[in-house]
């Protein structure tokens, strides 16, 4: 991909993330003001296909966005170039995707069949 395509992919991932961030913050504020405990929150999210898909898509957007952003930082600050830069960005992106997917599964998968 050209630098322009990478730039646009990061900007588009930010556009995708924006509604997820707003919904996530709104739900967190609602939960805190409602006095919900962690157990009560998990009781509402476990087994929910909606929350599984919502947070799954959120994680994909975040992993892409962060990997592309860190790719630029690694290029500018660490001086990485070429294949090293690309492989490092892929490792970071896949690592974030794996960690996020694990968290989504832990919070939503209970009771899903």
PDB file of N, CA and C in Angstrom:
ATOM      1  N   UNK A   1       0.849  -1.188   0.000  1.00  0.00           N
ATOM      2  CA  UNK A   1       0.000   0.000   0.000  1.00  0.00           C
ATOM      3  C   UNK A   1       0.884   1.237   0.000  1.00  0.00           C
ATOM      4  N   UNK A   2       0.398   2.248  -0.657  1.00  0.00           N
ATOM      5  CA  UNK A   2       1.146   3.506  -0.698  1.00  0.00           C
ATOM      6  C   UNK A   2       0.934   4.267   0.613  1.00  0.00           C
ATOM      7  N   UNK A   3       1.825   5.201   0.914  1.00  0.00           N
ATOM      8  CA  UNK A   3       1.619   6.012   2.123  1.00  0.00           C
ATOM      9  C   UNK A   3       0.257   6.708   2.146  1.00  0.00           C
ATOM     10  N   UNK A   4      -0.214   7.131   0.982  1.00  0.00           N
ATOM     11  CA  UNK A   4      -1.535   7.771   0.927  1.00  0.00           C
ATOM     12  C   UNK A   4      -2.635   6.798   1.334  1.00  0.00           C
ATOM     13  N   UNK A   5      -2.563   5.562   0.825  1.00  0.00           N
ATOM     14  CA  UNK A   5      -3.570   4.559   1.179  1.00  0.00           C
ATOM     15  C   UNK A   5      -3.528   4.230   2.673  1.00  0.00           C
ATOM     16  N   UNK A   6      -2.334   4.143   3.241  1.00  0.00           N
ATOM     17  CA  UNK A   6      -2.202   3.883   4.672  1.00  0.00           C
ATOM     18  C   UNK A   6      -2.781   5.043   5.473  1.00  0.00           C
ATOM     19  N   UNK A   7      -2.488   6.265   5.034  1.00  0.00           N
ATOM     20  CA  UNK A   7      -3.020   7.462   5.683  1.00  0.00           C
ATOM     21  C   UNK A   7      -4.551   7.445   5.662  1.00  0.00           C
ATOM     22  N   UNK A   8      -5.115   7.152   4.497  1.00  0.00           N
ATOM     23  CA  UNK A   8      -6.577   7.132   4.364  1.00  0.00           C
ATOM     24  C   UNK A   8      -7.192   5.986   5.176  1.00  0.00           C
ATOM     25  N   UNK A   9      -6.526   4.837   5.217  1.00  0.00           N
ATOM     26  CA  UNK A   9      -7.035   3.710   6.004  1.00  0.00           C
ATOM     27  C   UNK A   9      -7.084   4.080   7.484  1.00  0.00           C
ATOM     28  N   UNK A  10      -6.077   4.809   7.957  1.00  0.00           N
ATOM     29  CA  UNK A  10      -6.109   5.193   9.366  1.00  0.00           C
ATOM     30  C   UNK A  10      -7.217   6.197   9.630  1.00  0.00           C
ATOM     31  N   UNK A  11      -7.409   7.146   8.717  1.00  0.00           N
ATOM     32  CA  UNK A  11      -8.473   8.131   8.896  1.00  0.00           C
ATOM     33  C   UNK A  11      -9.846   7.480   8.832  1.00  0.00           C
ATOM     34  N   UNK A  12     -10.015   6.529   7.922  1.00  0.00           N
ATOM     35  CA  UNK A  12     -11.293   5.825   7.820  1.00  0.00           C
ATOM     36  C   UNK A  12     -11.554   4.957   9.055  1.00  0.00           C
ATOM     37  N   UNK A  13     -10.500   4.355   9.593  1.00  0.00           N
ATOM     38  CA  UNK A  13     -10.693   3.564  10.812  1.00  0.00           C
ATOM     39  C   UNK A  13     -11.113   4.464  11.973  1.00  0.00           C
ATOM     40  N   UNK A  14     -10.628   5.696  11.988  1.00  0.00           N
ATOM     41  CA  UNK A  14     -11.056   6.654  13.019  1.00  0.00           C
ATOM     42  C   UNK A  14     -12.541   6.985  12.860  1.00  0.00           C
ATOM     43  N   UNK A  15     -12.989   7.139  11.624  1.00  0.00           N
ATOM     44  CA  UNK A  15     -14.411   7.397  11.383  1.00  0.00           C
ATOM     45  C   UNK A  15     -15.275   6.223  11.823  1.00  0.00           C
ATOM     46  N   UNK A  16     -14.793   5.020  11.611  1.00  0.00           N
ATOM     47  CA  UNK A  16     -15.528   3.825  12.031  1.00  0.00           C
ATOM     48  C   UNK A  16     -15.557   3.745  13.554  1.00  0.00           C
ATOM     49  N   UNK A  17     -14.439   4.078  14.187  1.00  0.00           N
ATOM     50  CA  UNK A  17     -14.343   3.973  15.650  1.00  0.00           C
ATOM     51  C   UNK A  17     -15.212   4.989  16.383  1.00  0.00           C
ATOM     52  N   UNK A  18     -15.415   6.160  15.805  1.00  0.00           N
ATOM     53  CA  UNK A  18     -16.100   7.251  16.515  1.00  0.00           C
ATOM     54  C   UNK A  18     -17.450   6.839  17.101  1.00  0.00           C
ATOM     55  N   UNK A  19     -18.361   6.236  16.336  1.00  0.00           N
ATOM     56  CA  UNK A  19     -19.637   5.860  16.961  1.00  0.00           C
ATOM     57  C   UNK A  19     -19.477   4.780  18.029  1.00  0.00           C
ATOM     58  N   UNK A  20     -18.525   3.871  17.834  1.00  0.00           N
ATOM     59  CA  UNK A  20     -18.276   2.848  18.852  1.00  0.00           C
ATOM     60  C   UNK A  20     -17.819   3.487  20.164  1.00  0.00           C
ATOM     61  N   UNK A  21     -16.930   4.466  20.055  1.00  0.00           N
ATOM     62  CA  UNK A  21     -16.434   5.158  21.248  1.00  0.00           C
ATOM     63  C   UNK A  21     -17.584   5.872  21.955  1.00  0.00           C
ATOM     64  N   UNK A  22     -18.416   6.558  21.200  1.00  0.00           N
ATOM     65  CA  UNK A  22     -19.534   7.285  21.809  1.00  0.00           C
ATOM     66  C   UNK A  22     -20.510   6.347  22.512  1.00  0.00           C
ATOM     67  N   UNK A  23     -20.856   5.240  21.867  1.00  0.00           N
ATOM     68  CA  UNK A  23     -21.761   4.275  22.496  1.00  0.00           C
ATOM     69  C   UNK A  23     -21.102   3.669  23.729  1.00  0.00           C
ATOM     70  N   UNK A  24     -19.834   3.292  23.615  1.00  0.00           N
ATOM     71  CA  UNK A  24     -19.127   2.692  24.745  1.00  0.00           C
ATOM     72  C   UNK A  24     -19.098   3.656  25.936  1.00  0.00           C
ATOM     73  N   UNK A  25     -18.745   4.905  25.702  1.00  0.00           N
ATOM     74  CA  UNK A  25     -18.712   5.886  26.794  1.00  0.00           C
ATOM     75  C   UNK A  25     -20.099   6.105  27.388  1.00  0.00           C
ATOM     76  N   UNK A  26     -21.114   6.186  26.533  1.00  0.00           N
ATOM     77  CA  UNK A  26     -22.481   6.351  27.022  1.00  0.00           C
ATOM     78  C   UNK A  26     -22.914   5.194  27.904  1.00  0.00           C
ATOM     79  N   UNK A  27     -22.599   3.976  27.483  1.00  0.00           N
ATOM     80  CA  UNK A  27     -22.965   2.793  28.274  1.00  0.00           C
ATOM     81  C   UNK A  27     -22.195   2.783  29.595  1.00  0.00           C
ATOM     82  N   UNK A  28     -20.924   3.163  29.558  1.00  0.00           N
ATOM     83  CA  UNK A  28     -20.130   3.185  30.797  1.00  0.00           C
ATOM     84  C   UNK A  28     -20.671   4.232  31.768  1.00  0.00           C
ATOM     85  N   UNK A  29     -21.023   5.400  31.275  1.00  0.00           N
ATOM     86  CA  UNK A  29     -21.591   6.443  32.142  1.00  0.00           C
ATOM     87  C   UNK A  29     -22.910   5.963  32.736  1.00  0.00           C
ATOM     88  N   UNK A  30     -23.754   5.359  31.903  1.00  0.00           N
ATOM     89  CA  UNK A  30     -25.025   4.811  32.381  1.00  0.00           C
ATOM     90  C   UNK A  30     -24.795   3.760  33.468  1.00  0.00           C
ATOM     91  N   UNK A  31     -23.840   2.871  33.243  1.00  0.00           N
ATOM     92  CA  UNK A  31     -23.575   1.802  34.203  1.00  0.00           C
ATOM     93  C   UNK A  31     -23.063   2.360  35.525  1.00  0.00           C
ATOM     94  N   UNK A  32     -22.174   3.331  35.465  1.00  0.00           N
ATOM     95  CA  UNK A  32     -21.607   3.903  36.691  1.00  0.00           C
ATOM     96  C   UNK A  32     -22.667   4.687  37.454  1.00  0.00           C
ATOM     97  N   UNK A  33     -23.434   5.502  36.748  1.00  0.00           N
ATOM     98  CA  UNK A  33     -24.468   6.288  37.421  1.00  0.00           C
ATOM     99  C   UNK A  33     -25.592   5.408  37.941  1.00  0.00           C
ATOM    100  N   UNK A  34     -25.815   4.275  37.279  1.00  0.00           N
ATOM    101  CA  UNK A  34     -26.835   3.340  37.729  1.00  0.00           C
ATOM    102  C   UNK A  34     -26.364   2.467  38.881  1.00  0.00           C
ATOM    103  N   UNK A  35     -25.084   2.578  39.229  1.00  0.00           N
ATOM    104  CA  UNK A  35     -24.545   1.808  40.336  1.00  0.00           C
ATOM    105  C   UNK A  35     -24.390   0.324  40.038  1.00  0.00           C
ATOM    106  N   UNK A  36     -24.261  -0.036  38.773  1.00  0.00           N
ATOM    107  CA  UNK A  36     -24.109  -1.447  38.427  1.00  0.00           C
ATOM    108  C   UNK A  36     -22.753  -1.982  38.860  1.00  0.00           C
ATOM    109  N   UNK A  37     -22.751  -3.194  39.346  1.00  0.00           N
ATOM    110  CA  UNK A  37     -21.499  -3.855  39.693  1.00  0.00           C
ATOM    111  C   UNK A  37     -20.946  -4.553  38.462  1.00  0.00           C
ATOM    112  N   UNK A  38     -19.692  -4.977  38.542  1.00  0.00           N
ATOM    113  CA  UNK A  38     -19.082  -5.717  37.436  1.00  0.00           C
ATOM    114  C   UNK A  38     -19.877  -6.988  37.144  1.00  0.00           C
ATOM    115  N   UNK A  39     -20.339  -7.660  38.173  1.00  0.00           N
ATOM    116  CA  UNK A  39     -21.123  -8.882  37.989  1.00  0.00           C
ATOM    117  C   UNK A  39     -22.440  -8.588  37.262  1.00  0.00           C
ATOM    118  N   UNK A  40     -23.076  -7.467  37.593  1.00  0.00           N
ATOM    119  CA  UNK A  40     -24.322  -7.100  36.924  1.00  0.00           C
ATOM    120  C   UNK A  40     -24.077  -6.749  35.451  1.00  0.00           C
ATOM    121  N   UNK A  41     -22.974  -6.072  35.188  1.00  0.00           N
ATOM    122  CA  UNK A  41     -22.639  -5.724  33.807  1.00  0.00           C
ATOM    123  C   UNK A  41     -22.375  -6.995  33.007  1.00  0.00           C
ATOM    124  N   UNK A  42     -21.588  -7.900  33.560  1.00  0.00           N
ATOM    125  CA  UNK A  42     -21.319  -9.161  32.872  1.00  0.00           C
ATOM    126  C   UNK A  42     -22.601  -9.960  32.667  1.00  0.00           C
ATOM    127  N   UNK A  43     -23.500  -9.894  33.616  1.00  0.00           N
ATOM    128  CA  UNK A  43     -24.775 -10.577  33.475  1.00  0.00           C
ATOM    129  C   UNK A  43     -25.574 -10.065  32.279  1.00  0.00           C
ATOM    130  N   UNK A  44     -25.362  -8.803  31.942  1.00  0.00           N
ATOM    131  CA  UNK A  44     -26.074  -8.218  30.802  1.00  0.00           C
ATOM    132  C   UNK A  44     -25.348  -8.442  29.475  1.00  0.00           C
ATOM    133  N   UNK A  45     -24.032  -8.608  29.523  1.00  0.00           N
ATOM    134  CA  UNK A  45     -23.279  -8.752  28.275  1.00  0.00           C
ATOM    135  C   UNK A  45     -23.051 -10.203  27.886  1.00  0.00           C
ATOM    136  N   UNK A  46     -22.943 -11.096  28.848  1.00  0.00           N
ATOM    137  CA  UNK A  46     -22.661 -12.490  28.511  1.00  0.00           C
ATOM    138  C   UNK A  46     -23.854 -13.116  27.799  1.00  0.00           C
ATOM    139  N   UNK A  47     -23.542 -13.785  26.713  1.00  0.00           N
ATOM    140  CA  UNK A  47     -24.579 -14.410  25.907  1.00  0.00           C
ATOM    141  C   UNK A  47     -25.236 -13.478  24.908  1.00  0.00           C
ATOM    142  N   UNK A  48     -24.797 -12.235  24.855  1.00  0.00           N
ATOM    143  CA  UNK A  48     -25.408 -11.256  23.957  1.00  0.00           C
ATOM    144  C   UNK A  48     -24.672 -11.225  22.620  1.00  0.00           C
ATOM    145  N   UNK A  49     -25.358 -11.611  21.573  1.00  0.00           N
ATOM    146  CA  UNK A  49     -24.779 -11.549  20.228  1.00  0.00           C
ATOM    147  C   UNK A  49     -24.545 -10.085  19.840  1.00  0.00           C
ATOM    148  N   UNK A  50     -25.460  -9.201  20.238  1.00  0.00           N
ATOM    149  CA  UNK A  50     -25.305  -7.784  19.914  1.00  0.00           C
ATOM    150  C   UNK A  50     -23.989  -7.238  20.456  1.00  0.00           C
ATOM    151  N   UNK A  51     -23.742  -7.440  21.759  1.00  0.00           N
ATOM    152  CA  UNK A  51     -22.513  -6.901  22.351  1.00  0.00           C
ATOM    153  C   UNK A  51     -21.280  -7.603  21.818  1.00  0.00           C
ATOM    154  N   UNK A  52     -21.386  -8.880  21.479  1.00  0.00           N
ATOM    155  CA  UNK A  52     -20.272  -9.600  20.864  1.00  0.00           C
ATOM    156  C   UNK A  52     -19.909  -8.951  19.521  1.00  0.00           C
ATOM    157  N   UNK A  53     -20.911  -8.699  18.691  1.00  0.00           N
ATOM    158  CA  UNK A  53     -20.655  -8.079  17.386  1.00  0.00           C
ATOM    159  C   UNK A  53     -20.200  -6.632  17.539  1.00  0.00           C
ATOM    160  N   UNK A  54     -20.833  -5.895  18.443  1.00  0.00           N
ATOM    161  CA  UNK A  54     -20.476  -4.491  18.663  1.00  0.00           C
ATOM    162  C   UNK A  54     -19.009  -4.370  19.071  1.00  0.00           C
ATOM    163  N   UNK A  55     -18.635  -5.077  20.145  1.00  0.00           N
ATOM    164  CA  UNK A  55     -17.261  -4.954  20.620  1.00  0.00           C
ATOM    165  C   UNK A  55     -16.265  -5.662  19.710  1.00  0.00           C
ATOM    166  N   UNK A  56     -16.712  -6.693  18.992  1.00  0.00           N
ATOM    167  CA  UNK A  56     -15.836  -7.341  18.018  1.00  0.00           C
ATOM    168  C   UNK A  56     -15.448  -6.388  16.895  1.00  0.00           C
ATOM    169  N   UNK A  57     -16.424  -5.670  16.358  1.00  0.00           N
ATOM    170  CA  UNK A  57     -16.129  -4.699  15.304  1.00  0.00           C
ATOM    171  C   UNK A  57     -15.297  -3.534  15.845  1.00  0.00           C
ATOM    172  N   UNK A  58     -15.571  -3.139  17.083  1.00  0.00           N
ATOM    173  CA  UNK A  58     -14.810  -2.078  17.732  1.00  0.00           C
ATOM    174  C   UNK A  58     -13.340  -2.489  17.832  1.00  0.00           C
ATOM    175  N   UNK A  59     -13.083  -3.708  18.250  1.00  0.00           N
ATOM    176  CA  UNK A  59     -11.709  -4.201  18.397  1.00  0.00           C
ATOM    177  C   UNK A  59     -10.990  -4.224  17.049  1.00  0.00           C
ATOM    178  N   UNK A  60     -11.660  -4.663  16.009  1.00  0.00           N
ATOM    179  CA  UNK A  60     -11.034  -4.690  14.683  1.00  0.00           C
ATOM    180  C   UNK A  60     -10.634  -3.274  14.262  1.00  0.00           C
ATOM    181  N   UNK A  61     -11.532  -2.316  14.442  1.00  0.00           N
ATOM    182  CA  UNK A  61     -11.243  -0.927  14.064  1.00  0.00           C
ATOM    183  C   UNK A  61     -10.087  -0.364  14.886  1.00  0.00           C
ATOM    184  N   UNK A  62     -10.073  -0.645  16.183  1.00  0.00           N
ATOM    185  CA  UNK A  62      -9.012  -0.135  17.057  1.00  0.00           C
ATOM    186  C   UNK A  62      -7.667  -0.755  16.698  1.00  0.00           C
ATOM    187  N   UNK A  63      -7.646  -2.061  16.464  1.00  0.00           N
ATOM    188  CA  UNK A  63      -6.382  -2.733  16.132  1.00  0.00           C
ATOM    189  C   UNK A  63      -5.800  -2.163  14.836  1.00  0.00           C
ATOM    190  N   UNK A  64      -6.640  -1.964  13.842  1.00  0.00           N
ATOM    191  CA  UNK A  64      -6.180  -1.389  12.581  1.00  0.00           C
ATOM    192  C   UNK A  64      -5.684   0.038  12.788  1.00  0.00           C
ATOM    193  N   UNK A  65      -6.479   0.842  13.459  1.00  0.00           N
ATOM    194  CA  UNK A  65      -6.137   2.244  13.691  1.00  0.00           C
ATOM    195  C   UNK A  65      -4.824   2.385  14.466  1.00  0.00           C
ATOM    196  N   UNK A  66      -4.687   1.623  15.520  1.00  0.00           N
ATOM    197  CA  UNK A  66      -3.478   1.707  16.347  1.00  0.00           C
ATOM    198  C   UNK A  66      -2.245   1.216  15.608  1.00  0.00           C
ATOM    199  N   UNK A  67      -2.379   0.113  14.883  1.00  0.00           N
ATOM    200  CA  UNK A  67      -1.231  -0.419  14.142  1.00  0.00           C
ATOM    201  C   UNK A  67      -0.749   0.574  13.087  1.00  0.00           C
ATOM    202  N   UNK A  68      -1.691   1.201  12.391  1.00  0.00           N
ATOM    203  CA  UNK A  68      -1.303   2.185  11.376  1.00  0.00           C
ATOM    204  C   UNK A  68      -0.662   3.420  12.009  1.00  0.00           C
ATOM    205  N   UNK A  69      -1.203   3.864  13.113  1.00  0.00           N
ATOM    206  CA  UNK A  69      -0.622   5.011  13.809  1.00  0.00           C
ATOM    207  C   UNK A  69       0.764   4.712  14.356  1.00  0.00           C
ATOM    208  N   UNK A  70       0.914   3.546  14.967  1.00  0.00           N
ATOM    209  CA  UNK A  70       2.223   3.174  15.491  1.00  0.00           C
ATOM    210  C   UNK A  70       3.231   2.930  14.379  1.00  0.00           C
ATOM    211  N   UNK A  71       2.755   2.517  13.223  1.00  0.00           N
ATOM    212  CA  UNK A  71       3.644   2.352  12.061  1.00  0.00           C
ATOM    213  C   UNK A  71       4.308   3.683  11.719  1.00  0.00           C
ATOM    214  N   UNK A  72       3.538   4.759  11.743  1.00  0.00           N
ATOM    215  CA  UNK A  72       4.079   6.087  11.461  1.00  0.00           C
ATOM    216  C   UNK A  72       5.076   6.495  12.540  1.00  0.00           C
ATOM    217  N   UNK A  73       4.718   6.257  13.799  1.00  0.00           N
ATOM    218  CA  UNK A  73       5.608   6.599  14.911  1.00  0.00           C
ATOM    219  C   UNK A  73       6.917   5.820  14.804  1.00  0.00           C
ATOM    220  N   UNK A  74       6.828   4.535  14.518  1.00  0.00           N
ATOM    221  CA  UNK A  74       8.038   3.714  14.385  1.00  0.00           C
ATOM    222  C   UNK A  74       8.904   4.171  13.218  1.00  0.00           C
ATOM    223  N   UNK A  75       8.281   4.636  12.174  1.00  0.00           N
ATOM    224  CA  UNK A  75       9.029   5.139  11.025  1.00  0.00           C
ATOM    225  C   UNK A  75       9.736   6.444  11.368  1.00  0.00           C
ATOM    226  N   UNK A  76       9.007   7.365  11.992  1.00  0.00           N
ATOM    227  CA  UNK A  76       9.563   8.686  12.280  1.00  0.00           C
ATOM    228  C   UNK A  76      10.536   8.680  13.454  1.00  0.00           C
ATOM    229  N   UNK A  77      10.214   7.982  14.532  1.00  0.00           N
ATOM    230  CA  UNK A  77      11.019   8.046  15.742  1.00  0.00           C
ATOM    231  C   UNK A  77      12.075   6.953  15.827  1.00  0.00           C
ATOM    232  N   UNK A  78      11.731   5.744  15.396  1.00  0.00           N
ATOM    233  CA  UNK A  78      12.684   4.638  15.506  1.00  0.00           C
ATOM    234  C   UNK A  78      13.459   4.424  14.214  1.00  0.00           C
ATOM    235  N   UNK A  79      13.053   5.108  13.153  1.00  0.00           N
ATOM    236  CA  UNK A  79      13.757   5.003  11.893  1.00  0.00           C
ATOM    237  C   UNK A  79      13.573   3.679  11.167  1.00  0.00           C
ATOM    238  N   UNK A  80      12.533   2.922  11.541  1.00  0.00           N
ATOM    239  CA  UNK A  80      12.291   1.650  10.849  1.00  0.00           C
ATOM    240  C   UNK A  80      11.827   1.931   9.426  1.00  0.00           C
ATOM    241  N   UNK A  81      12.239   1.053   8.514  1.00  0.00           N
ATOM    242  CA  UNK A  81      11.871   1.216   7.110  1.00  0.00           C
ATOM    243  C   UNK A  81      11.586  -0.135   6.488  1.00  0.00           C
ATOM    244  N   UNK A  82      10.950  -0.114   5.343  1.00  0.00           N
ATOM    245  CA  UNK A  82      10.778  -1.297   4.521  1.00  0.00           C
ATOM    246  C   UNK A  82      10.081  -2.449   5.216  1.00  0.00           C
ATOM    247  N   UNK A  83      10.626  -3.627   4.975  1.00  0.00           N
ATOM    248  CA  UNK A  83      10.015  -4.863   5.483  1.00  0.00           C
ATOM    249  C   UNK A  83       9.971  -4.896   7.010  1.00  0.00           C
ATOM    250  N   UNK A  84      11.009  -4.385   7.680  1.00  0.00           N
ATOM    251  CA  UNK A  84      11.032  -4.369   9.144  1.00  0.00           C
ATOM    252  C   UNK A  84       9.858  -3.564   9.686  1.00  0.00           C
ATOM    253  N   UNK A  85       9.614  -2.412   9.083  1.00  0.00           N
ATOM    254  CA  UNK A  85       8.494  -1.565   9.507  1.00  0.00           C
ATOM    255  C   UNK A  85       7.158  -2.270   9.271  1.00  0.00           C
ATOM    256  N   UNK A  86       7.015  -2.865   8.108  1.00  0.00           N
ATOM    257  CA  UNK A  86       5.760  -3.539   7.773  1.00  0.00           C
ATOM    258  C   UNK A  86       5.498  -4.728   8.693  1.00  0.00           C
ATOM    259  N   UNK A  87       6.502  -5.551   8.912  1.00  0.00           N
ATOM    260  CA  UNK A  87       6.338  -6.732   9.773  1.00  0.00           C
ATOM    261  C   UNK A  87       6.047  -6.310  11.208  1.00  0.00           C
ATOM    262  N   UNK A  88       6.741  -5.293  11.691  1.00  0.00           N
ATOM    263  CA  UNK A  88       6.508  -4.812  13.058  1.00  0.00           C
ATOM    264  C   UNK A  88       5.081  -4.291  13.215  1.00  0.00           C
ATOM    265  N   UNK A  89       4.602  -3.542  12.237  1.00  0.00           N
ATOM    266  CA  UNK A  89       3.231  -3.018  12.291  1.00  0.00           C
ATOM    267  C   UNK A  89       2.220  -4.162  12.265  1.00  0.00           C
ATOM    268  N   UNK A  90       2.465  -5.182  11.443  1.00  0.00           N
ATOM    269  CA  UNK A  90       1.574  -6.347  11.391  1.00  0.00           C
ATOM    270  C   UNK A  90       1.556  -7.081  12.728  1.00  0.00           C
ATOM    271  N   UNK A  91       2.721  -7.256  13.331  1.00  0.00           N
ATOM    272  CA  UNK A  91       2.791  -7.948  14.631  1.00  0.00           C
ATOM    273  C   UNK A  91       2.004  -7.170  15.684  1.00  0.00           C
ATOM    274  N   UNK A  92       2.187  -5.865  15.695  1.00  0.00           N
ATOM    275  CA  UNK A  92       1.451  -5.035  16.653  1.00  0.00           C
ATOM    276  C   UNK A  92      -0.054  -5.134  16.405  1.00  0.00           C
ATOM    277  N   UNK A  93      -0.465  -4.995  15.150  1.00  0.00           N
ATOM    278  CA  UNK A  93      -1.885  -5.060  14.821  1.00  0.00           C
ATOM    279  C   UNK A  93      -2.506  -6.396  15.173  1.00  0.00           C
ATOM    280  N   UNK A  94      -1.816  -7.480  14.833  1.00  0.00           N
ATOM    281  CA  UNK A  94      -2.342  -8.812  15.154  1.00  0.00           C
ATOM    282  C   UNK A  94      -2.347  -9.073  16.657  1.00  0.00           C
ATOM    283  N   UNK A  95      -1.333  -8.545  17.350  1.00  0.00           N
ATOM    284  CA  UNK A  95      -1.297  -8.680  18.803  1.00  0.00           C
ATOM    285  C   UNK A  95      -2.467  -7.962  19.457  1.00  0.00           C
ATOM    286  N   UNK A  96      -2.720  -6.735  19.015  1.00  0.00           N
ATOM    287  CA  UNK A  96      -3.859  -5.979  19.554  1.00  0.00           C
ATOM    288  C   UNK A  96      -5.181  -6.655  19.217  1.00  0.00           C
ATOM    289  N   UNK A  97      -5.280  -7.172  17.999  1.00  0.00           N
ATOM    290  CA  UNK A  97      -6.487  -7.875  17.596  1.00  0.00           C
ATOM    291  C   UNK A  97      -6.713  -9.113  18.471  1.00  0.00           C
ATOM    292  N   UNK A  98      -5.656  -9.854  18.724  1.00  0.00           N
ATOM    293  CA  UNK A  98      -5.766 -11.045  19.567  1.00  0.00           C
ATOM    294  C   UNK A  98      -6.155 -10.714  21.001  1.00  0.00           C
ATOM    295  N   UNK A  99      -5.513  -9.706  21.575  1.00  0.00           N
ATOM    296  CA  UNK A  99      -5.842  -9.300  22.944  1.00  0.00           C
ATOM    297  C   UNK A  99      -7.276  -8.794  23.039  1.00  0.00           C
ATOM    298  N   UNK A 100      -7.672  -7.979  22.069  1.00  0.00           N
ATOM    299  CA  UNK A 100      -9.033  -7.451  22.069  1.00  0.00           C
ATOM    300  C   UNK A 100     -10.070  -8.535  21.876  1.00  0.00           C
ATOM    301  N   UNK A 101      -9.790  -9.469  20.963  1.00  0.00           N
ATOM    302  CA  UNK A 101     -10.730 -10.573  20.720  1.00  0.00           C
ATOM    303  C   UNK A 101     -10.892 -11.429  21.971  1.00  0.00           C
ATOM    304  N   UNK A 102      -9.788 -11.638  22.673  1.00  0.00           N
ATOM    305  CA  UNK A 102      -9.846 -12.401  23.919  1.00  0.00           C
ATOM    306  C   UNK A 102     -10.717 -11.690  24.951  1.00  0.00           C
ATOM    307  N   UNK A 103     -10.589 -10.372  25.047  1.00  0.00           N
ATOM    308  CA  UNK A 103     -11.398  -9.605  25.992  1.00  0.00           C
ATOM    309  C   UNK A 103     -12.877  -9.638  25.600  1.00  0.00           C
ATOM    310  N   UNK A 104     -13.164  -9.483  24.317  1.00  0.00           N
ATOM    311  CA  UNK A 104     -14.558  -9.536  23.855  1.00  0.00           C
ATOM    312  C   UNK A 104     -15.162 -10.893  24.171  1.00  0.00           C
ATOM    313  N   UNK A 105     -14.416 -11.946  23.895  1.00  0.00           N
ATOM    314  CA  UNK A 105     -14.901 -13.294  24.170  1.00  0.00           C
ATOM    315  C   UNK A 105     -15.182 -13.479  25.657  1.00  0.00           C
ATOM    316  N   UNK A 106     -14.281 -13.003  26.507  1.00  0.00           N
ATOM    317  CA  UNK A 106     -14.443 -13.162  27.960  1.00  0.00           C
ATOM    318  C   UNK A 106     -15.670 -12.424  28.470  1.00  0.00           C
ATOM    319  N   UNK A 107     -15.975 -11.279  27.893  1.00  0.00           N
ATOM    320  CA  UNK A 107     -17.076 -10.453  28.390  1.00  0.00           C
ATOM    321  C   UNK A 107     -18.425 -10.864  27.801  1.00  0.00           C
ATOM    322  N   UNK A 108     -18.421 -11.458  26.613  1.00  0.00           N
ATOM    323  CA  UNK A 108     -19.696 -11.690  25.947  1.00  0.00           C
ATOM    324  C   UNK A 108     -20.044 -13.157  25.695  1.00  0.00           C
ATOM    325  N   UNK A 109     -19.094 -14.057  25.708  1.00  0.00           N
ATOM    326  CA  UNK A 109     -19.344 -15.417  25.220  1.00  0.00           C
ATOM    327  C   UNK A 109     -20.099 -16.312  26.176  1.00  0.00           C
ATOM    328  N   UNK A 110     -20.134 -15.995  27.443  1.00  0.00           N
ATOM    329  CA  UNK A 110     -20.838 -16.852  28.381  1.00  0.00           C
ATOM    330  C   UNK A 110     -22.295 -17.033  27.983  1.00  0.00           C
ATOM    331  N   UNK A 111     -22.696 -18.266  27.765  1.00  0.00           N
ATOM    332  CA  UNK A 111     -24.082 -18.570  27.425  1.00  0.00           C
ATOM    333  C   UNK A 111     -24.385 -18.547  25.946  1.00  0.00           C
ATOM    334  N   UNK A 112     -23.405 -18.143  25.102  1.00  0.00           N
ATOM    335  CA  UNK A 112     -23.650 -18.159  23.660  1.00  0.00           C
ATOM    336  C   UNK A 112     -23.393 -19.568  23.129  1.00  0.00           C
ATOM    337  N   UNK A 113     -24.256 -20.023  22.281  1.00  0.00           N
ATOM    338  CA  UNK A 113     -24.081 -21.343  21.682  1.00  0.00           C
ATOM    339  C   UNK A 113     -24.191 -21.255  20.188  1.00  0.00           C
TER     340      UNK A 113
END
